[in-house]
Amino acid sequence: MEQLSGRQIVLAERPADRLTERHFAVRVVPVPERRPDEVLIRVIFAQVPPAARAVMTTTTPFPRTAPGDGIFTAVVGEVVEAPAGGPAPGAIVTCFGGWE
């Protein structure tokens, strides 16, 4: 099977004021092998809530996103691969994932 790759948006630098494109970077990364109990999803929509901005700064009690880390949030995606008994390929699902 051909190695799949995907694009991942990561925090490039912590924002001190208004967010701009310079605060983010795009990486092309290989998609890791799916373990037998995992579902591979192609993200269609990623939520960009106010909390995403909060965890990019140092002013939140929640675990912070460090430069180089992906942005974790709620996503809507299409199932690409799944274990037997899991969601069918092509199904649209919601879960937590990254901006990728």
PDB file of N, CA and C in Angstrom:
ATOM      1  N   MET A   1       0.833  -1.177   0.000  1.00  0.00           N
ATOM      2  CA  MET A   1       0.000   0.000   0.000  1.00  0.00           C
ATOM      3  C   MET A   1       0.884   1.249   0.000  1.00  0.00           C
ATOM      4  N   GLU A   2       0.503   2.240  -0.774  1.00  0.00           N
ATOM      5  CA  GLU A   2       1.236   3.498  -0.855  1.00  0.00           C
ATOM      6  C   GLU A   2       1.137   4.257   0.464  1.00  0.00           C
ATOM      7  N   GLN A   3       2.241   4.871   0.886  1.00  0.00           N
ATOM      8  CA  GLN A   3       2.255   5.652   2.128  1.00  0.00           C
ATOM      9  C   GLN A   3       1.426   6.919   1.940  1.00  0.00           C
ATOM     10  N   LEU A   4       0.417   7.096   2.793  1.00  0.00           N
ATOM     11  CA  LEU A   4      -0.412   8.294   2.745  1.00  0.00           C
ATOM     12  C   LEU A   4       0.276   9.428   3.485  1.00  0.00           C
ATOM     13  N   SER A   5       0.040  10.646   3.045  1.00  0.00           N
ATOM     14  CA  SER A   5       0.542  11.806   3.774  1.00  0.00           C
ATOM     15  C   SER A   5      -0.611  12.796   3.935  1.00  0.00           C
ATOM     16  N   GLY A   6      -0.447  13.686   4.878  1.00  0.00           N
ATOM     17  CA  GLY A   6      -1.479  14.682   5.127  1.00  0.00           C
ATOM     18  C   GLY A   6      -0.844  16.000   5.522  1.00  0.00           C
ATOM     19  N   ARG A   7      -1.648  17.043   5.467  1.00  0.00           N
ATOM     20  CA  ARG A   7      -1.193  18.360   5.897  1.00  0.00           C
ATOM     21  C   ARG A   7      -1.678  18.610   7.315  1.00  0.00           C
ATOM     22  N   GLN A   8      -0.821  19.176   8.112  1.00  0.00           N
ATOM     23  CA  GLN A   8      -1.113  19.442   9.521  1.00  0.00           C
ATOM     24  C   GLN A   8      -0.781  20.907   9.803  1.00  0.00           C
ATOM     25  N   ILE A   9      -1.725  21.624  10.406  1.00  0.00           N
ATOM     26  CA  ILE A   9      -1.475  23.012  10.789  1.00  0.00           C
ATOM     27  C   ILE A   9      -1.014  23.007  12.239  1.00  0.00           C
ATOM     28  N   VAL A  10       0.146  23.614  12.466  1.00  0.00           N
ATOM     29  CA  VAL A  10       0.734  23.660  13.806  1.00  0.00           C
ATOM     30  C   VAL A  10       0.938  25.110  14.228  1.00  0.00           C
ATOM     31  N   LEU A  11       1.076  25.299  15.525  1.00  0.00           N
ATOM     32  CA  LEU A  11       1.378  26.617  16.056  1.00  0.00           C
ATOM     33  C   LEU A  11       2.851  26.915  15.793  1.00  0.00           C
ATOM     34  N   ALA A  12       3.140  27.989  15.066  1.00  0.00           N
ATOM     35  CA  ALA A  12       4.528  28.362  14.761  1.00  0.00           C
ATOM     36  C   ALA A  12       5.114  29.233  15.864  1.00  0.00           C
ATOM     37  N   GLU A  13       4.305  30.131  16.408  1.00  0.00           N
ATOM     38  CA  GLU A  13       4.749  30.988  17.513  1.00  0.00           C
ATOM     39  C   GLU A  13       3.542  31.426  18.307  1.00  0.00           C
ATOM     40  N   ARG A  14       3.748  31.656  19.597  1.00  0.00           N
ATOM     41  CA  ARG A  14       2.648  32.092  20.463  1.00  0.00           C
ATOM     42  C   ARG A  14       2.203  33.503  20.092  1.00  0.00           C
ATOM     43  N   PRO A  15       0.906  33.722  19.993  1.00  0.00           N
ATOM     44  CA  PRO A  15       0.433  35.073  19.701  1.00  0.00           C
ATOM     45  C   PRO A  15       0.458  35.938  20.965  1.00  0.00           C
ATOM     46  N   ALA A  16       0.807  37.194  20.782  1.00  0.00           N
ATOM     47  CA  ALA A  16       0.752  38.138  21.883  1.00  0.00           C
ATOM     48  C   ALA A  16      -0.424  39.086  21.691  1.00  0.00           C
ATOM     49  N   ASP A  17      -0.894  39.199  20.458  1.00  0.00           N
ATOM     50  CA  ASP A  17      -2.032  40.060  20.158  1.00  0.00           C
ATOM     51  C   ASP A  17      -2.884  39.374  19.093  1.00  0.00           C
ATOM     52  N   ARG A  18      -3.268  40.079  18.075  1.00  0.00           N
ATOM     53  CA  ARG A  18      -4.134  39.525  17.027  1.00  0.00           C
ATOM     54  C   ARG A  18      -3.432  38.368  16.291  1.00  0.00           C
ATOM     55  N   LEU A  19      -4.177  37.274  16.068  1.00  0.00           N
ATOM     56  CA  LEU A  19      -3.640  36.140  15.315  1.00  0.00           C
ATOM     57  C   LEU A  19      -3.488  36.502  13.845  1.00  0.00           C
ATOM     58  N   THR A  20      -2.371  36.068  13.262  1.00  0.00           N
ATOM     59  CA  THR A  20      -2.144  36.240  11.833  1.00  0.00           C
ATOM     60  C   THR A  20      -1.570  34.934  11.287  1.00  0.00           C
ATOM     61  N   GLU A  21      -1.386  34.873   9.989  1.00  0.00           N
ATOM     62  CA  GLU A  21      -0.842  33.662   9.364  1.00  0.00           C
ATOM     63  C   GLU A  21       0.531  33.296   9.904  1.00  0.00           C
ATOM     64  N   ARG A  22       1.308  34.285  10.341  1.00  0.00           N
ATOM     65  CA  ARG A  22       2.666  33.983  10.821  1.00  0.00           C
ATOM     66  C   ARG A  22       2.659  33.109  12.072  1.00  0.00           C
ATOM     67  N   HIS A  23       1.534  33.046  12.776  1.00  0.00           N
ATOM     68  CA  HIS A  23       1.443  32.237  13.986  1.00  0.00           C
ATOM     69  C   HIS A  23       1.282  30.745  13.696  1.00  0.00           C
ATOM     70  N   PHE A  24       1.080  30.397  12.424  1.00  0.00           N
ATOM     71  CA  PHE A  24       0.831  29.007  12.047  1.00  0.00           C
ATOM     72  C   PHE A  24       1.799  28.548  10.964  1.00  0.00           C
ATOM     73  N   ALA A  25       2.010  27.244  10.900  1.00  0.00           N
ATOM     74  CA  ALA A  25       2.821  26.630   9.853  1.00  0.00           C
ATOM     75  C   ALA A  25       2.097  25.382   9.370  1.00  0.00           C
ATOM     76  N   VAL A  26       2.339  25.026   8.128  1.00  0.00           N
ATOM     77  CA  VAL A  26       1.748  23.811   7.552  1.00  0.00           C
ATOM     78  C   VAL A  26       2.870  22.800   7.357  1.00  0.00           C
ATOM     79  N   ARG A  27       2.644  21.597   7.863  1.00  0.00           N
ATOM     80  CA  ARG A  27       3.588  20.489   7.697  1.00  0.00           C
ATOM     81  C   ARG A  27       2.929  19.408   6.860  1.00  0.00           C
ATOM     82  N   VAL A  28       3.712  18.770   6.027  1.00  0.00           N
ATOM     83  CA  VAL A  28       3.257  17.559   5.345  1.00  0.00           C
ATOM     84  C   VAL A  28       3.872  16.406   6.118  1.00  0.00           C
ATOM     85  N   VAL A  29       3.012  15.531   6.637  1.00  0.00           N
ATOM     86  CA  VAL A  29       3.465  14.441   7.496  1.00  0.00           C
ATOM     87  C   VAL A  29       2.922  13.110   6.986  1.00  0.00           C
ATOM     88  N   PRO A  30       3.665  12.013   7.194  1.00  0.00           N
ATOM     89  CA  PRO A  30       3.127  10.706   6.824  1.00  0.00           C
ATOM     90  C   PRO A  30       1.991  10.319   7.770  1.00  0.00           C
ATOM     91  N   VAL A  31       0.985   9.666   7.237  1.00  0.00           N
ATOM     92  CA  VAL A  31      -0.110   9.150   8.065  1.00  0.00           C
ATOM     93  C   VAL A  31       0.384   7.837   8.672  1.00  0.00           C
ATOM     94  N   PRO A  32       0.394   7.730  10.008  1.00  0.00           N
ATOM     95  CA  PRO A  32       0.901   6.498  10.621  1.00  0.00           C
ATOM     96  C   PRO A  32      -0.005   5.299  10.307  1.00  0.00           C
ATOM     97  N   GLU A  33       0.573   4.119  10.396  1.00  0.00           N
ATOM     98  CA  GLU A  33      -0.213   2.883  10.228  1.00  0.00           C
ATOM     99  C   GLU A  33      -1.366   2.890  11.225  1.00  0.00           C
ATOM    100  N   ARG A  34      -2.529   2.504  10.770  1.00  0.00           N
ATOM    101  CA  ARG A  34      -3.703   2.429  11.648  1.00  0.00           C
ATOM    102  C   ARG A  34      -3.618   1.152  12.466  1.00  0.00           C
ATOM    103  N   ARG A  35      -3.740   1.288  13.791  1.00  0.00           N
ATOM    104  CA  ARG A  35      -3.800   0.103  14.654  1.00  0.00           C
ATOM    105  C   ARG A  35      -5.161  -0.554  14.466  1.00  0.00           C
ATOM    106  N   PRO A  36      -5.312  -1.819  14.851  1.00  0.00           N
ATOM    107  CA  PRO A  36      -6.565  -2.543  14.625  1.00  0.00           C
ATOM    108  C   PRO A  36      -7.793  -1.906  15.278  1.00  0.00           C
ATOM    109  N   ASP A  37      -7.602  -1.146  16.354  1.00  0.00           N
ATOM    110  CA  ASP A  37      -8.749  -0.541  17.043  1.00  0.00           C
ATOM    111  C   ASP A  37      -8.948   0.931  16.685  1.00  0.00           C
ATOM    112  N   GLU A  38      -8.268   1.425  15.659  1.00  0.00           N
ATOM    113  CA  GLU A  38      -8.355   2.830  15.284  1.00  0.00           C
ATOM    114  C   GLU A  38      -9.139   3.036  13.989  1.00  0.00           C
ATOM    115  N   VAL A  39      -9.643   4.260  13.849  1.00  0.00           N
ATOM    116  CA  VAL A  39     -10.371   4.673  12.647  1.00  0.00           C
ATOM    117  C   VAL A  39      -9.555   5.773  11.987  1.00  0.00           C
ATOM    118  N   LEU A  40      -9.344   5.689  10.689  1.00  0.00           N
ATOM    119  CA  LEU A  40      -8.659   6.735   9.936  1.00  0.00           C
ATOM    120  C   LEU A  40      -9.716   7.644   9.334  1.00  0.00           C
ATOM    121  N   ILE A  41      -9.596   8.937   9.627  1.00  0.00           N
ATOM    122  CA  ILE A  41     -10.593   9.920   9.196  1.00  0.00           C
ATOM    123  C   ILE A  41      -9.915  11.017   8.383  1.00  0.00           C
ATOM    124  N   ARG A  42     -10.548  11.414   7.292  1.00  0.00           N
ATOM    125  CA  ARG A  42     -10.110  12.579   6.512  1.00  0.00           C
ATOM    126  C   ARG A  42     -10.923  13.759   7.008  1.00  0.00           C
ATOM    127  N   VAL A  43     -10.265  14.724   7.614  1.00  0.00           N
ATOM    128  CA  VAL A  43     -10.966  15.871   8.201  1.00  0.00           C
ATOM    129  C   VAL A  43     -11.543  16.750   7.086  1.00  0.00           C
ATOM    130  N   ILE A  44     -12.825  17.074   7.244  1.00  0.00           N
ATOM    131  CA  ILE A  44     -13.521  17.949   6.304  1.00  0.00           C
ATOM    132  C   ILE A  44     -13.672  19.343   6.910  1.00  0.00           C
ATOM    133  N   PHE A  45     -13.961  19.388   8.203  1.00  0.00           N
ATOM    134  CA  PHE A  45     -14.224  20.645   8.892  1.00  0.00           C
ATOM    135  C   PHE A  45     -13.576  20.587  10.271  1.00  0.00           C
ATOM    136  N   ALA A  46     -12.853  21.624  10.620  1.00  0.00           N
ATOM    137  CA  ALA A  46     -12.261  21.725  11.959  1.00  0.00           C
ATOM    138  C   ALA A  46     -12.810  22.970  12.642  1.00  0.00           C
ATOM    139  N   GLN A  47     -13.267  22.799  13.849  1.00  0.00           N
ATOM    140  CA  GLN A  47     -13.810  23.909  14.630  1.00  0.00           C
ATOM    141  C   GLN A  47     -12.677  24.861  15.033  1.00  0.00           C
ATOM    142  N   VAL A  48     -12.985  26.152  15.021  1.00  0.00           N
ATOM    143  CA  VAL A  48     -12.029  27.160  15.466  1.00  0.00           C
ATOM    144  C   VAL A  48     -12.712  27.964  16.583  1.00  0.00           C
ATOM    145  N   PRO A  49     -12.798  27.376  17.777  1.00  0.00           N
ATOM    146  CA  PRO A  49     -13.493  28.044  18.881  1.00  0.00           C
ATOM    147  C   PRO A  49     -12.587  29.041  19.600  1.00  0.00           C
ATOM    148  N   PRO A  50     -13.158  29.955  20.377  1.00  0.00           N
ATOM    149  CA  PRO A  50     -12.337  30.881  21.169  1.00  0.00           C
ATOM    150  C   PRO A  50     -11.336  30.150  22.073  1.00  0.00           C
ATOM    151  N   ALA A  51     -11.691  28.968  22.544  1.00  0.00           N
ATOM    152  CA  ALA A  51     -10.778  28.215  23.419  1.00  0.00           C
ATOM    153  C   ALA A  51      -9.489  27.850  22.693  1.00  0.00           C
ATOM    154  N   ALA A  52      -9.540  27.678  21.360  1.00  0.00           N
ATOM    155  CA  ALA A  52      -8.320  27.369  20.609  1.00  0.00           C
ATOM    156  C   ALA A  52      -7.329  28.515  20.742  1.00  0.00           C
ATOM    157  N   ARG A  53      -7.820  29.738  20.710  1.00  0.00           N
ATOM    158  CA  ARG A  53      -6.952  30.910  20.882  1.00  0.00           C
ATOM    159  C   ARG A  53      -6.398  30.939  22.304  1.00  0.00           C
ATOM    160  N   ALA A  54      -7.236  30.614  23.260  1.00  0.00           N
ATOM    161  CA  ALA A  54      -6.809  30.666  24.662  1.00  0.00           C
ATOM    162  C   ALA A  54      -5.656  29.711  24.943  1.00  0.00           C
ATOM    163  N   VAL A  55      -5.697  28.491  24.405  1.00  0.00           N
ATOM    164  CA  VAL A  55      -4.634  27.524  24.710  1.00  0.00           C
ATOM    165  C   VAL A  55      -3.345  27.805  23.937  1.00  0.00           C
ATOM    166  N   MET A  56      -3.378  28.778  23.009  1.00  0.00           N
ATOM    167  CA  MET A  56      -2.161  29.186  22.314  1.00  0.00           C
ATOM    168  C   MET A  56      -1.366  30.203  23.124  1.00  0.00           C
ATOM    169  N   THR A  57      -1.992  30.770  24.155  1.00  0.00           N
ATOM    170  CA  THR A  57      -1.337  31.792  24.970  1.00  0.00           C
ATOM    171  C   THR A  57      -0.906  31.186  26.297  1.00  0.00           C
ATOM    172  N   THR A  58      -0.417  31.996  27.171  1.00  0.00           N
ATOM    173  CA  THR A  58       0.008  31.524  28.495  1.00  0.00           C
ATOM    174  C   THR A  58      -1.004  31.900  29.566  1.00  0.00           C
ATOM    175  N   THR A  59      -2.215  32.287  29.159  1.00  0.00           N
ATOM    176  CA  THR A  59      -3.197  32.792  30.122  1.00  0.00           C
ATOM    177  C   THR A  59      -4.345  31.833  30.389  1.00  0.00           C
ATOM    178  N   THR A  60      -4.168  30.568  30.166  1.00  0.00           N
ATOM    179  CA  THR A  60      -5.243  29.595  30.361  1.00  0.00           C
ATOM    180  C   THR A  60      -4.842  28.543  31.388  1.00  0.00           C
ATOM    181  N   PRO A  61      -5.811  28.054  32.167  1.00  0.00           N
ATOM    182  CA  PRO A  61      -5.494  26.975  33.102  1.00  0.00           C
ATOM    183  C   PRO A  61      -5.456  25.606  32.412  1.00  0.00           C
ATOM    184  N   PHE A  62      -5.854  25.551  31.144  1.00  0.00           N
ATOM    185  CA  PHE A  62      -5.889  24.290  30.398  1.00  0.00           C
ATOM    186  C   PHE A  62      -4.508  23.999  29.817  1.00  0.00           C
ATOM    187  N   PRO A  63      -4.235  22.750  29.438  1.00  0.00           N
ATOM    188  CA  PRO A  63      -2.940  22.441  28.805  1.00  0.00           C
ATOM    189  C   PRO A  63      -2.741  23.325  27.576  1.00  0.00           C
ATOM    190  N   ARG A  64      -1.582  23.940  27.503  1.00  0.00           N
ATOM    191  CA  ARG A  64      -1.316  24.882  26.415  1.00  0.00           C
ATOM    192  C   ARG A  64      -0.764  24.175  25.190  1.00  0.00           C
ATOM    193  N   THR A  65      -1.033  24.775  24.038  1.00  0.00           N
ATOM    194  CA  THR A  65      -0.453  24.328  22.786  1.00  0.00           C
ATOM    195  C   THR A  65       0.897  25.024  22.647  1.00  0.00           C
ATOM    196  N   ALA A  66       1.947  24.253  22.508  1.00  0.00           N
ATOM    197  CA  ALA A  66       3.295  24.804  22.385  1.00  0.00           C
ATOM    198  C   ALA A  66       3.648  24.989  20.914  1.00  0.00           C
ATOM    199  N   PRO A  67       4.537  25.932  20.608  1.00  0.00           N
ATOM    200  CA  PRO A  67       4.993  26.047  19.226  1.00  0.00           C
ATOM    201  C   PRO A  67       5.488  24.696  18.715  1.00  0.00           C
ATOM    202  N   GLY A  68       5.053  24.348  17.517  1.00  0.00           N
ATOM    203  CA  GLY A  68       5.370  23.050  16.919  1.00  0.00           C
ATOM    204  C   GLY A  68       4.279  22.021  17.112  1.00  0.00           C
ATOM    205  N   ASP A  69       3.365  22.258  18.076  1.00  0.00           N
ATOM    206  CA  ASP A  69       2.248  21.338  18.325  1.00  0.00           C
ATOM    207  C   ASP A  69       1.107  21.598  17.351  1.00  0.00           C
ATOM    208  N   GLY A  70       0.348  20.543  17.069  1.00  0.00           N
ATOM    209  CA  GLY A  70      -0.873  20.688  16.285  1.00  0.00           C
ATOM    210  C   GLY A  70      -1.972  21.314  17.123  1.00  0.00           C
ATOM    211  N   ILE A  71      -2.991  21.827  16.444  1.00  0.00           N
ATOM    212  CA  ILE A  71      -4.126  22.453  17.113  1.00  0.00           C
ATOM    213  C   ILE A  71      -5.215  21.388  17.257  1.00  0.00           C
ATOM    214  N   PHE A  72      -5.596  21.060  18.485  1.00  0.00           N
ATOM    215  CA  PHE A  72      -6.560  19.995  18.779  1.00  0.00           C
ATOM    216  C   PHE A  72      -7.940  20.610  18.986  1.00  0.00           C
ATOM    217  N   THR A  73      -8.960  20.067  18.342  1.00  0.00           N
ATOM    218  CA  THR A  73     -10.306  20.620  18.419  1.00  0.00           C
ATOM    219  C   THR A  73     -11.333  19.593  17.935  1.00  0.00           C
ATOM    220  N   ALA A  74     -12.593  19.979  17.928  1.00  0.00           N
ATOM    221  CA  ALA A  74     -13.644  19.120  17.372  1.00  0.00           C
ATOM    222  C   ALA A  74     -13.562  19.175  15.848  1.00  0.00           C
ATOM    223  N   VAL A  75     -13.748  18.018  15.212  1.00  0.00           N
ATOM    224  CA  VAL A  75     -13.702  17.946  13.751  1.00  0.00           C
ATOM    225  C   VAL A  75     -14.875  17.129  13.213  1.00  0.00           C
ATOM    226  N   VAL A  76     -15.177  17.354  11.953  1.00  0.00           N
ATOM    227  CA  VAL A  76     -16.106  16.531  11.185  1.00  0.00           C
ATOM    228  C   VAL A  76     -15.266  15.905  10.080  1.00  0.00           C
ATOM    229  N   GLY A  77     -15.406  14.616   9.888  1.00  0.00           N
ATOM    230  CA  GLY A  77     -14.583  13.963   8.879  1.00  0.00           C
ATOM    231  C   GLY A  77     -15.260  12.781   8.231  1.00  0.00           C
ATOM    232  N   GLU A  78     -14.615  12.293   7.188  1.00  0.00           N
ATOM    233  CA  GLU A  78     -15.083  11.120   6.457  1.00  0.00           C
ATOM    234  C   GLU A  78     -14.206   9.928   6.829  1.00  0.00           C
ATOM    235  N   VAL A  79     -14.827   8.811   7.151  1.00  0.00           N
ATOM    236  CA  VAL A  79     -14.092   7.594   7.495  1.00  0.00           C
ATOM    237  C   VAL A  79     -13.414   7.057   6.237  1.00  0.00           C
ATOM    238  N   VAL A  80     -12.096   6.850   6.332  1.00  0.00           N
ATOM    239  CA  VAL A  80     -11.317   6.279   5.237  1.00  0.00           C
ATOM    240  C   VAL A  80     -11.124   4.783   5.464  1.00  0.00           C
ATOM    241  N   GLU A  81     -10.726   4.422   6.685  1.00  0.00           N
ATOM    242  CA  GLU A  81     -10.538   3.017   7.079  1.00  0.00           C
ATOM    243  C   GLU A  81     -11.033   2.842   8.498  1.00  0.00           C
ATOM    244  N   ALA A  82     -11.553   1.653   8.797  1.00  0.00           N
ATOM    245  CA  ALA A  82     -12.030   1.362  10.148  1.00  0.00           C
ATOM    246  C   ALA A  82     -11.974  -0.136  10.391  1.00  0.00           C
ATOM    247  N   PRO A  83     -11.930  -0.529  11.664  1.00  0.00           N
ATOM    248  CA  PRO A  83     -11.938  -1.958  11.975  1.00  0.00           C
ATOM    249  C   PRO A  83     -13.311  -2.562  11.685  1.00  0.00           C
ATOM    250  N   ALA A  84     -13.348  -3.875  11.567  1.00  0.00           N
ATOM    251  CA  ALA A  84     -14.631  -4.574  11.392  1.00  0.00           C
ATOM    252  C   ALA A  84     -15.546  -4.204  12.550  1.00  0.00           C
ATOM    253  N   GLY A  85     -16.782  -3.895  12.245  1.00  0.00           N
ATOM    254  CA  GLY A  85     -17.728  -3.502  13.272  1.00  0.00           C
ATOM    255  C   GLY A  85     -17.696  -2.015  13.578  1.00  0.00           C
ATOM    256  N   GLY A  86     -16.750  -1.300  12.978  1.00  0.00           N
ATOM    257  CA  GLY A  86     -16.642   0.145  13.176  1.00  0.00           C
ATOM    258  C   GLY A  86     -17.470   0.880  12.138  1.00  0.00           C
ATOM    259  N   PRO A  87     -17.342   2.194  12.085  1.00  0.00           N
ATOM    260  CA  PRO A  87     -18.086   2.953  11.081  1.00  0.00           C
ATOM    261  C   PRO A  87     -17.641   2.569   9.670  1.00  0.00           C
ATOM    262  N   ALA A  88     -18.569   2.596   8.751  1.00  0.00           N
ATOM    263  CA  ALA A  88     -18.278   2.202   7.371  1.00  0.00           C
ATOM    264  C   ALA A  88     -17.453   3.274   6.665  1.00  0.00           C
ATOM    265  N   PRO A  89     -16.504   2.873   5.813  1.00  0.00           N
ATOM    266  CA  PRO A  89     -15.791   3.861   5.008  1.00  0.00           C
ATOM    267  C   PRO A  89     -16.800   4.727   4.242  1.00  0.00           C
ATOM    268  N   GLY A  90     -16.539   6.018   4.231  1.00  0.00           N
ATOM    269  CA  GLY A  90     -17.456   6.963   3.596  1.00  0.00           C
ATOM    270  C   GLY A  90     -18.406   7.613   4.577  1.00  0.00           C
ATOM    271  N   ALA A  91     -18.564   7.034   5.778  1.00  0.00           N
ATOM    272  CA  ALA A  91     -19.455   7.613   6.784  1.00  0.00           C
ATOM    273  C   ALA A  91     -18.889   8.946   7.246  1.00  0.00           C
ATOM    274  N   ILE A  92     -19.769   9.882   7.548  1.00  0.00           N
ATOM    275  CA  ILE A  92     -19.373  11.186   8.090  1.00  0.00           C
ATOM    276  C   ILE A  92     -19.521  11.104   9.603  1.00  0.00           C
ATOM    277  N   VAL A  93     -18.462  11.467  10.320  1.00  0.00           N
ATOM    278  CA  VAL A  93     -18.434  11.340  11.774  1.00  0.00           C
ATOM    279  C   VAL A  93     -17.922  12.637  12.410  1.00  0.00           C
ATOM    280  N   THR A  94     -18.172  12.782  13.713  1.00  0.00           N
ATOM    281  CA  THR A  94     -17.590  13.875  14.488  1.00  0.00           C
ATOM    282  C   THR A  94     -16.711  13.258  15.569  1.00  0.00           C
ATOM    283  N   CYS A  95     -15.644  13.948  15.900  1.00  0.00           N
ATOM    284  CA  CYS A  95     -14.728  13.472  16.926  1.00  0.00           C
ATOM    285  C   CYS A  95     -13.788  14.624  17.277  1.00  0.00           C
ATOM    286  N   PHE A  96     -12.831  14.350  18.131  1.00  0.00           N
ATOM    287  CA  PHE A  96     -11.785  15.335  18.411  1.00  0.00           C
ATOM    288  C   PHE A  96     -10.561  14.952  17.616  1.00  0.00           C
ATOM    289  N   GLY A  97      -9.923  15.917  17.029  1.00  0.00           N
ATOM    290  CA  GLY A  97      -8.746  15.683  16.217  1.00  0.00           C
ATOM    291  C   GLY A  97      -8.002  16.992  16.026  1.00  0.00           C
ATOM    292  N   GLY A  98      -7.154  17.019  15.028  1.00  0.00           N
ATOM    293  CA  GLY A  98      -6.345  18.205  14.782  1.00  0.00           C
ATOM    294  C   GLY A  98      -6.766  18.950  13.547  1.00  0.00           C
ATOM    295  N   TRP A  99      -6.191  20.153  13.408  1.00  0.00           N
ATOM    296  CA  TRP A  99      -6.366  20.904  12.166  1.00  0.00           C
ATOM    297  C   TRP A  99      -5.453  20.233  11.163  1.00  0.00           C
ATOM    298  N   GLU A 100      -5.955  19.175  10.547  1.00  0.00           N
ATOM    299  CA  GLU A 100      -5.137  18.425   9.586  1.00  0.00           C
ATOM    300  C   GLU A 100      -5.998  17.724   8.574  1.00  0.00           C
TER     301      GLU A 100
END
